[in-house]
PDB file of N, CA and C in Angstrom:
ATOM      1  N   UNK A   1      23.963 -10.886  71.146  1.00  0.00           N
ATOM      2  CA  UNK A   1      23.354 -10.143  70.037  1.00  0.00           C
ATOM      3  C   UNK A   1      21.943 -10.707  70.548  1.00  0.00           C
ATOM      4  N   UNK A   2      20.875  -9.762  70.093  1.00  0.00           N
ATOM      5  CA  UNK A   2      19.693 -10.190  70.652  1.00  0.00           C
ATOM      6  C   UNK A   2      19.136 -11.118  69.262  1.00  0.00           C
ATOM      7  N   UNK A   3      18.334 -12.052  70.001  1.00  0.00           N
ATOM      8  CA  UNK A   3      17.362 -12.758  68.822  1.00  0.00           C
ATOM      9  C   UNK A   3      16.408 -12.126  68.492  1.00  0.00           C
ATOM     10  N   UNK A   4      16.126 -11.857  67.103  1.00  0.00           N
ATOM     11  CA  UNK A   4      14.838 -11.149  66.754  1.00  0.00           C
ATOM     12  C   UNK A   4      13.678 -11.835  66.658  1.00  0.00           C
ATOM     13  N   UNK A   5      13.534 -13.125  67.328  1.00  0.00           N
ATOM     14  CA  UNK A   5      12.277 -13.654  67.230  1.00  0.00           C
ATOM     15  C   UNK A   5      11.614 -13.210  68.681  1.00  0.00           C
ATOM     16  N   UNK A   6      12.357 -12.191  69.643  1.00  0.00           N
ATOM     17  CA  UNK A   6      12.016 -11.943  70.451  1.00  0.00           C
ATOM     18  C   UNK A   6      11.083 -10.824  70.351  1.00  0.00           C
ATOM     19  N   UNK A   7      10.700 -10.151  69.355  1.00  0.00           N
ATOM     20  CA  UNK A   7      10.090  -8.791  68.938  1.00  0.00           C
ATOM     21  C   UNK A   7       8.913  -9.399  68.144  1.00  0.00           C
ATOM     22  N   UNK A   8       7.770  -8.900  68.268  1.00  0.00           N
ATOM     23  CA  UNK A   8       6.526  -8.963  67.416  1.00  0.00           C
ATOM     24  C   UNK A   8       6.191  -7.505  66.780  1.00  0.00           C
ATOM     25  N   UNK A   9       6.347  -7.902  65.265  1.00  0.00           N
ATOM     26  CA  UNK A   9       5.974  -6.521  64.903  1.00  0.00           C
ATOM     27  C   UNK A   9       4.759  -6.200  63.996  1.00  0.00           C
ATOM     28  N   UNK A  10       4.289  -5.045  63.693  1.00  0.00           N
ATOM     29  CA  UNK A  10       3.519  -4.672  63.027  1.00  0.00           C
ATOM     30  C   UNK A  10       3.572  -3.267  62.481  1.00  0.00           C
ATOM     31  N   UNK A  11       3.039  -3.167  61.213  1.00  0.00           N
ATOM     32  CA  UNK A  11       3.278  -1.696  60.262  1.00  0.00           C
ATOM     33  C   UNK A  11       2.172  -1.362  59.691  1.00  0.00           C
ATOM     34  N   UNK A  12       2.338   0.047  59.462  1.00  0.00           N
ATOM     35  CA  UNK A  12       1.046   0.799  59.061  1.00  0.00           C
ATOM     36  C   UNK A  12       1.465   1.971  58.079  1.00  0.00           C
ATOM     37  N   UNK A  13       1.024   2.025  56.623  1.00  0.00           N
ATOM     38  CA  UNK A  13       1.688   3.223  56.072  1.00  0.00           C
ATOM     39  C   UNK A  13       0.384   4.047  56.531  1.00  0.00           C
ATOM     40  N   UNK A  14       1.344   5.573  56.724  1.00  0.00           N
ATOM     41  CA  UNK A  14       0.464   6.854  56.941  1.00  0.00           C
ATOM     42  C   UNK A  14       1.388   7.831  56.517  1.00  0.00           C
ATOM     43  N   UNK A  15       0.917   9.119  55.915  1.00  0.00           N
ATOM     44  CA  UNK A  15       1.280  10.509  55.312  1.00  0.00           C
ATOM     45  C   UNK A  15       2.967   9.914  54.550  1.00  0.00           C
ATOM     46  N   UNK A  16       3.150   9.098  53.877  1.00  0.00           N
ATOM     47  CA  UNK A  16       4.864   9.030  53.159  1.00  0.00           C
ATOM     48  C   UNK A  16       5.352   8.186  54.098  1.00  0.00           C
ATOM     49  N   UNK A  17       5.187   7.867  55.122  1.00  0.00           N
ATOM     50  CA  UNK A  17       6.022   6.709  56.009  1.00  0.00           C
ATOM     51  C   UNK A  17       5.395   5.959  56.618  1.00  0.00           C
ATOM     52  N   UNK A  18       5.962   4.658  56.761  1.00  0.00           N
ATOM     53  CA  UNK A  18       5.791   3.477  57.788  1.00  0.00           C
ATOM     54  C   UNK A  18       5.862   3.671  59.162  1.00  0.00           C
ATOM     55  N   UNK A  19       4.747   3.615  59.550  1.00  0.00           N
ATOM     56  CA  UNK A  19       5.105   3.399  61.422  1.00  0.00           C
ATOM     57  C   UNK A  19       5.431   1.755  61.653  1.00  0.00           C
ATOM     58  N   UNK A  20       6.469   1.711  62.460  1.00  0.00           N
ATOM     59  CA  UNK A  20       6.637   0.155  62.877  1.00  0.00           C
ATOM     60  C   UNK A  20       6.458  -0.098  64.372  1.00  0.00           C
ATOM     61  N   UNK A  21       5.558  -0.895  65.050  1.00  0.00           N
ATOM     62  CA  UNK A  21       5.772  -1.074  66.306  1.00  0.00           C
ATOM     63  C   UNK A  21       6.300  -2.583  66.849  1.00  0.00           C
ATOM     64  N   UNK A  22       6.975  -2.641  67.578  1.00  0.00           N
ATOM     65  CA  UNK A  22       7.887  -3.799  67.861  1.00  0.00           C
ATOM     66  C   UNK A  22       7.450  -3.943  69.366  1.00  0.00           C
ATOM     67  N   UNK A  23       7.122  -5.230  69.374  1.00  0.00           N
ATOM     68  CA  UNK A  23       6.549  -5.552  71.138  1.00  0.00           C
ATOM     69  C   UNK A  23       7.499  -7.002  71.453  1.00  0.00           C
ATOM     70  N   UNK A  24       7.883  -6.704  72.805  1.00  0.00           N
ATOM     71  CA  UNK A  24       8.576  -7.701  73.352  1.00  0.00           C
ATOM     72  C   UNK A  24       8.106  -8.344  74.748  1.00  0.00           C
ATOM     73  N   UNK A  25       8.329  -9.231  75.150  1.00  0.00           N
ATOM     74  CA  UNK A  25       8.088  -9.430  77.195  1.00  0.00           C
ATOM     75  C   UNK A  25       9.083  -8.995  77.681  1.00  0.00           C
ATOM     76  N   UNK A  26       9.007  -8.106  78.582  1.00  0.00           N
ATOM     77  CA  UNK A  26      10.162  -7.714  79.255  1.00  0.00           C
ATOM     78  C   UNK A  26      10.814  -8.297  80.117  1.00  0.00           C
ATOM     79  N   UNK A  27      10.677  -9.801  80.149  1.00  0.00           N
ATOM     80  CA  UNK A  27      11.113 -10.851  80.734  1.00  0.00           C
ATOM     81  C   UNK A  27      12.514 -11.534  79.492  1.00  0.00           C
ATOM     82  N   UNK A  28      11.826 -11.415  78.361  1.00  0.00           N
ATOM     83  CA  UNK A  28      12.990 -12.163  77.424  1.00  0.00           C
ATOM     84  C   UNK A  28      13.767 -10.715  76.993  1.00  0.00           C
ATOM     85  N   UNK A  29      13.493  -9.478  77.321  1.00  0.00           N
ATOM     86  CA  UNK A  29      14.732  -8.366  77.094  1.00  0.00           C
ATOM     87  C   UNK A  29      15.576  -8.590  78.289  1.00  0.00           C
ATOM     88  N   UNK A  30      15.124  -8.922  79.650  1.00  0.00           N
ATOM     89  CA  UNK A  30      15.839  -8.900  80.544  1.00  0.00           C
ATOM     90  C   UNK A  30      17.417  -9.835  80.231  1.00  0.00           C
ATOM     91  N   UNK A  31      16.937 -11.075  79.615  1.00  0.00           N
ATOM     92  CA  UNK A  31      17.827 -12.190  79.549  1.00  0.00           C
ATOM     93  C   UNK A  31      18.878 -11.548  78.735  1.00  0.00           C
ATOM     94  N   UNK A  32      18.946 -10.530  77.937  1.00  0.00           N
ATOM     95  CA  UNK A  32      20.038 -10.049  77.258  1.00  0.00           C
ATOM     96  C   UNK A  32      20.599  -8.517  77.799  1.00  0.00           C
ATOM     97  N   UNK A  33      20.157  -8.396  79.100  1.00  0.00           N
ATOM     98  CA  UNK A  33      20.533  -6.988  79.851  1.00  0.00           C
ATOM     99  C   UNK A  33      19.887  -5.781  79.515  1.00  0.00           C
ATOM    100  N   UNK A  34      18.762  -5.949  78.893  1.00  0.00           N
ATOM    101  CA  UNK A  34      17.950  -4.683  78.455  1.00  0.00           C
ATOM    102  C   UNK A  34      16.849  -4.686  79.676  1.00  0.00           C
ATOM    103  N   UNK A  35      16.985  -3.816  80.513  1.00  0.00           N
ATOM    104  CA  UNK A  35      16.112  -3.756  81.934  1.00  0.00           C
ATOM    105  C   UNK A  35      15.557  -2.048  82.019  1.00  0.00           C
ATOM    106  N   UNK A  36      15.865  -1.299  81.100  1.00  0.00           N
ATOM    107  CA  UNK A  36      15.610  -0.066  81.004  1.00  0.00           C
ATOM    108  C   UNK A  36      15.213   0.314  79.914  1.00  0.00           C
ATOM    109  N   UNK A  37      14.290   1.251  79.735  1.00  0.00           N
ATOM    110  CA  UNK A  37      13.645   1.888  78.359  1.00  0.00           C
ATOM    111  C   UNK A  37      14.734   2.393  77.594  1.00  0.00           C
ATOM    112  N   UNK A  38      15.932   3.136  78.564  1.00  0.00           N
ATOM    113  CA  UNK A  38      17.212   4.120  77.615  1.00  0.00           C
ATOM    114  C   UNK A  38      17.735   2.457  77.191  1.00  0.00           C
ATOM    115  N   UNK A  39      18.102   1.446  77.962  1.00  0.00           N
ATOM    116  CA  UNK A  39      18.831   0.258  76.938  1.00  0.00           C
ATOM    117  C   UNK A  39      18.406  -0.284  75.983  1.00  0.00           C
ATOM    118  N   UNK A  40      17.108  -0.370  75.847  1.00  0.00           N
ATOM    119  CA  UNK A  40      16.557  -0.982  75.137  1.00  0.00           C
ATOM    120  C   UNK A  40      16.455   0.253  73.755  1.00  0.00           C
ATOM    121  N   UNK A  41      16.531   1.477  73.830  1.00  0.00           N
ATOM    122  CA  UNK A  41      16.439   2.333  72.830  1.00  0.00           C
ATOM    123  C   UNK A  41      18.060   2.341  72.342  1.00  0.00           C
ATOM    124  N   UNK A  42      18.744   2.540  72.963  1.00  0.00           N
ATOM    125  CA  UNK A  42      20.457   2.083  72.630  1.00  0.00           C
ATOM    126  C   UNK A  42      20.746   0.893  71.930  1.00  0.00           C
ATOM    127  N   UNK A  43      19.701  -0.029  72.473  1.00  0.00           N
ATOM    128  CA  UNK A  43      20.212  -1.528  71.727  1.00  0.00           C
ATOM    129  C   UNK A  43      19.554  -0.891  69.892  1.00  0.00           C
ATOM    130  N   UNK A  44      18.296  -0.453  69.930  1.00  0.00           N
ATOM    131  CA  UNK A  44      17.552  -0.519  68.548  1.00  0.00           C
ATOM    132  C   UNK A  44      18.367   0.764  67.731  1.00  0.00           C
ATOM    133  N   UNK A  45      18.845   1.811  68.852  1.00  0.00           N
ATOM    134  CA  UNK A  45      19.374   3.012  67.902  1.00  0.00           C
ATOM    135  C   UNK A  45      20.798   2.135  67.047  1.00  0.00           C
ATOM    136  N   UNK A  46      21.590   1.226  67.861  1.00  0.00           N
ATOM    137  CA  UNK A  46      22.791   0.571  67.241  1.00  0.00           C
ATOM    138  C   UNK A  46      22.236  -0.039  66.228  1.00  0.00           C
ATOM    139  N   UNK A  47      20.983  -0.868  66.167  1.00  0.00           N
ATOM    140  CA  UNK A  47      20.949  -1.792  65.179  1.00  0.00           C
ATOM    141  C   UNK A  47      20.275  -1.100  63.986  1.00  0.00           C
ATOM    142  N   UNK A  48      19.524   0.158  64.387  1.00  0.00           N
ATOM    143  CA  UNK A  48      19.214   0.492  63.073  1.00  0.00           C
ATOM    144  C   UNK A  48      20.682   1.694  62.329  1.00  0.00           C
ATOM    145  N   UNK A  49      21.411   1.971  63.099  1.00  0.00           N
ATOM    146  CA  UNK A  49      22.769   2.551  62.550  1.00  0.00           C
ATOM    147  C   UNK A  49      23.254   1.402  61.467  1.00  0.00           C
ATOM    148  N   UNK A  50      23.561   0.090  61.961  1.00  0.00           N
ATOM    149  CA  UNK A  50      23.839  -0.904  61.340  1.00  0.00           C
ATOM    150  C   UNK A  50      22.862  -1.370  59.849  1.00  0.00           C
ATOM    151  N   UNK A  51      21.963  -1.303  59.966  1.00  0.00           N
ATOM    152  CA  UNK A  51      20.822  -1.136  59.074  1.00  0.00           C
ATOM    153  C   UNK A  51      21.286   0.143  57.719  1.00  0.00           C
ATOM    154  N   UNK A  52      21.002   1.447  58.605  1.00  0.00           N
ATOM    155  CA  UNK A  52      21.767   2.371  57.660  1.00  0.00           C
ATOM    156  C   UNK A  52      22.958   2.084  56.900  1.00  0.00           C
ATOM    157  N   UNK A  53      23.780   1.757  57.581  1.00  0.00           N
ATOM    158  CA  UNK A  53      25.131   1.484  57.065  1.00  0.00           C
ATOM    159  C   UNK A  53      25.147   0.826  55.579  1.00  0.00           C
ATOM    160  N   UNK A  54      24.116  -0.079  55.696  1.00  0.00           N
ATOM    161  CA  UNK A  54      24.102  -0.626  54.178  1.00  0.00           C
ATOM    162  C   UNK A  54      23.536   0.026  52.998  1.00  0.00           C
ATOM    163  N   UNK A  55      23.099   0.995  52.918  1.00  0.00           N
ATOM    164  CA  UNK A  55      22.865   2.123  52.308  1.00  0.00           C
ATOM    165  C   UNK A  55      21.660   1.916  51.256  1.00  0.00           C
ATOM    166  N   UNK A  56      20.251   1.273  52.097  1.00  0.00           N
ATOM    167  CA  UNK A  56      19.112   1.390  51.300  1.00  0.00           C
ATOM    168  C   UNK A  56      18.682   2.212  51.301  1.00  0.00           C
ATOM    169  N   UNK A  57      19.022   3.484  51.822  1.00  0.00           N
ATOM    170  CA  UNK A  57      18.500   4.674  51.765  1.00  0.00           C
ATOM    171  C   UNK A  57      17.017   5.348  52.724  1.00  0.00           C
ATOM    172  N   UNK A  58      16.978   4.301  53.440  1.00  0.00           N
ATOM    173  CA  UNK A  58      15.674   4.414  54.381  1.00  0.00           C
ATOM    174  C   UNK A  58      16.508   5.154  55.459  1.00  0.00           C
ATOM    175  N   UNK A  59      15.221   5.827  56.054  1.00  0.00           N
ATOM    176  CA  UNK A  59      15.917   6.267  57.608  1.00  0.00           C
ATOM    177  C   UNK A  59      14.659   5.557  58.128  1.00  0.00           C
ATOM    178  N   UNK A  60      15.055   5.714  59.619  1.00  0.00           N
ATOM    179  CA  UNK A  60      14.702   5.225  60.587  1.00  0.00           C
ATOM    180  C   UNK A  60      14.824   6.112  61.911  1.00  0.00           C
ATOM    181  N   UNK A  61      13.567   6.417  62.395  1.00  0.00           N
ATOM    182  CA  UNK A  61      13.724   7.503  63.749  1.00  0.00           C
ATOM    183  C   UNK A  61      12.816   6.388  64.588  1.00  0.00           C
ATOM    184  N   UNK A  62      13.183   6.141  65.645  1.00  0.00           N
ATOM    185  CA  UNK A  62      12.660   5.847  66.889  1.00  0.00           C
ATOM    186  C   UNK A  62      11.725   6.721  67.700  1.00  0.00           C
ATOM    187  N   UNK A  63      10.635   6.702  67.900  1.00  0.00           N
ATOM    188  CA  UNK A  63       9.664   7.537  68.631  1.00  0.00           C
ATOM    189  C   UNK A  63       9.536   7.462  69.487  1.00  0.00           C
ATOM    190  N   UNK A  64       9.197   6.114  70.173  1.00  0.00           N
ATOM    191  CA  UNK A  64       8.686   6.062  71.542  1.00  0.00           C
ATOM    192  C   UNK A  64       9.091   4.865  72.219  1.00  0.00           C
ATOM    193  N   UNK A  65       9.810   4.774  73.211  1.00  0.00           N
ATOM    194  CA  UNK A  65       9.964   3.262  73.919  1.00  0.00           C
ATOM    195  C   UNK A  65       9.824   3.439  75.256  1.00  0.00           C
ATOM    196  N   UNK A  66       8.357   2.490  75.062  1.00  0.00           N
ATOM    197  CA  UNK A  66       7.706   2.346  76.856  1.00  0.00           C
ATOM    198  C   UNK A  66       7.881   1.117  77.515  1.00  0.00           C
ATOM    199  N   UNK A  67       7.743   0.799  78.725  1.00  0.00           N
ATOM    200  CA  UNK A  67       7.641  -0.463  79.705  1.00  0.00           C
ATOM    201  C   UNK A  67       6.068  -0.519  79.714  1.00  0.00           C
ATOM    202  N   UNK A  68       5.320  -1.537  79.485  1.00  0.00           N
ATOM    203  CA  UNK A  68       3.887  -1.304  79.756  1.00  0.00           C
ATOM    204  C   UNK A  68       3.674  -3.155  80.553  1.00  0.00           C
ATOM    205  N   UNK A  69       3.596  -2.657  81.996  1.00  0.00           N
ATOM    206  CA  UNK A  69       3.487  -3.923  82.847  1.00  0.00           C
ATOM    207  C   UNK A  69       4.611  -5.097  82.461  1.00  0.00           C
ATOM    208  N   UNK A  70       4.333  -6.215  81.696  1.00  0.00           N
ATOM    209  CA  UNK A  70       5.289  -7.070  81.247  1.00  0.00           C
ATOM    210  C   UNK A  70       5.745  -6.889  79.855  1.00  0.00           C
ATOM    211  N   UNK A  71       5.282  -5.930  78.922  1.00  0.00           N
ATOM    212  CA  UNK A  71       5.482  -5.831  77.862  1.00  0.00           C
ATOM    213  C   UNK A  71       6.853  -4.624  77.470  1.00  0.00           C
ATOM    214  N   UNK A  72       7.173  -4.451  76.236  1.00  0.00           N
ATOM    215  CA  UNK A  72       8.256  -3.437  75.947  1.00  0.00           C
ATOM    216  C   UNK A  72       7.705  -2.870  74.650  1.00  0.00           C
ATOM    217  N   UNK A  73       7.208  -1.777  74.335  1.00  0.00           N
ATOM    218  CA  UNK A  73       6.486  -1.312  73.295  1.00  0.00           C
ATOM    219  C   UNK A  73       7.856  -0.332  72.673  1.00  0.00           C
ATOM    220  N   UNK A  74       8.090  -0.360  71.271  1.00  0.00           N
ATOM    221  CA  UNK A  74       9.046   0.650  70.571  1.00  0.00           C
ATOM    222  C   UNK A  74       8.308   0.976  69.549  1.00  0.00           C
ATOM    223  N   UNK A  75       8.172   2.239  69.162  1.00  0.00           N
ATOM    224  CA  UNK A  75       7.758   2.862  67.826  1.00  0.00           C
ATOM    225  C   UNK A  75       8.358   3.652  67.414  1.00  0.00           C
ATOM    226  N   UNK A  76       8.813   3.308  65.906  1.00  0.00           N
ATOM    227  CA  UNK A  76       9.710   4.002  64.760  1.00  0.00           C
ATOM    228  C   UNK A  76       8.687   4.069  63.334  1.00  0.00           C
ATOM    229  N   UNK A  77       9.037   4.951  62.967  1.00  0.00           N
ATOM    230  CA  UNK A  77       9.153   5.701  61.496  1.00  0.00           C
ATOM    231  C   UNK A  77       9.928   5.351  60.611  1.00  0.00           C
ATOM    232  N   UNK A  78       9.850   4.746  59.589  1.00  0.00           N
ATOM    233  CA  UNK A  78      10.613   4.528  58.435  1.00  0.00           C
ATOM    234  C   UNK A  78      10.628   5.479  57.098  1.00  0.00           C
ATOM    235  N   UNK A  79      11.402   6.143  56.655  1.00  0.00           N
ATOM    236  CA  UNK A  79      11.043   6.473  55.137  1.00  0.00           C
ATOM    237  C   UNK A  79      11.859   6.734  54.413  1.00  0.00           C
ATOM    238  N   UNK A  80      11.912   6.838  53.278  1.00  0.00           N
ATOM    239  CA  UNK A  80      13.312   7.266  52.457  1.00  0.00           C
ATOM    240  C   UNK A  80      13.915   8.730  52.573  1.00  0.00           C
ATOM    241  N   UNK A  81      15.035   8.820  52.518  1.00  0.00           N
ATOM    242  CA  UNK A  81      15.808   9.986  52.581  1.00  0.00           C
ATOM    243  C   UNK A  81      15.001  11.416  52.051  1.00  0.00           C
ATOM    244  N   UNK A  82      14.117  11.259  51.104  1.00  0.00           N
ATOM    245  CA  UNK A  82      12.777  12.131  50.621  1.00  0.00           C
ATOM    246  C   UNK A  82      11.526  12.115  51.311  1.00  0.00           C
ATOM    247  N   UNK A  83      11.598  11.432  52.347  1.00  0.00           N
ATOM    248  CA  UNK A  83      10.366  11.239  52.935  1.00  0.00           C
ATOM    249  C   UNK A  83       9.245  10.051  52.374  1.00  0.00           C
ATOM    250  N   UNK A  84       9.658   9.647  51.318  1.00  0.00           N
ATOM    251  CA  UNK A  84       8.743   8.987  50.751  1.00  0.00           C
ATOM    252  C   UNK A  84       8.922   7.239  51.705  1.00  0.00           C
ATOM    253  N   UNK A  85       8.047   6.405  51.636  1.00  0.00           N
ATOM    254  CA  UNK A  85       7.832   5.421  51.958  1.00  0.00           C
ATOM    255  C   UNK A  85       8.715   4.223  51.399  1.00  0.00           C
ATOM    256  N   UNK A  86       9.436   3.546  51.975  1.00  0.00           N
ATOM    257  CA  UNK A  86       9.869   2.365  50.906  1.00  0.00           C
ATOM    258  C   UNK A  86       8.965   1.230  50.182  1.00  0.00           C
TER     259      UNK A  86
END
């Protein structure tokens, strides 16, 4: 399991959604076998599914995963099922 402290998070509200950006060092992700954008996206999708199973009513959409030199940036949108932000 990946240590959540690997990620630095920021968020902002826009048009009824919360946009979340998660930034991590690629070298830290490599320690967990996350060596490609596809593997990072898959790990986030698995984590999001687990959170959504808890039934808090939020919907999370991963809108992008990019490797930027030494960093990895993951962008997401969070909203309630009705489009309102939590």
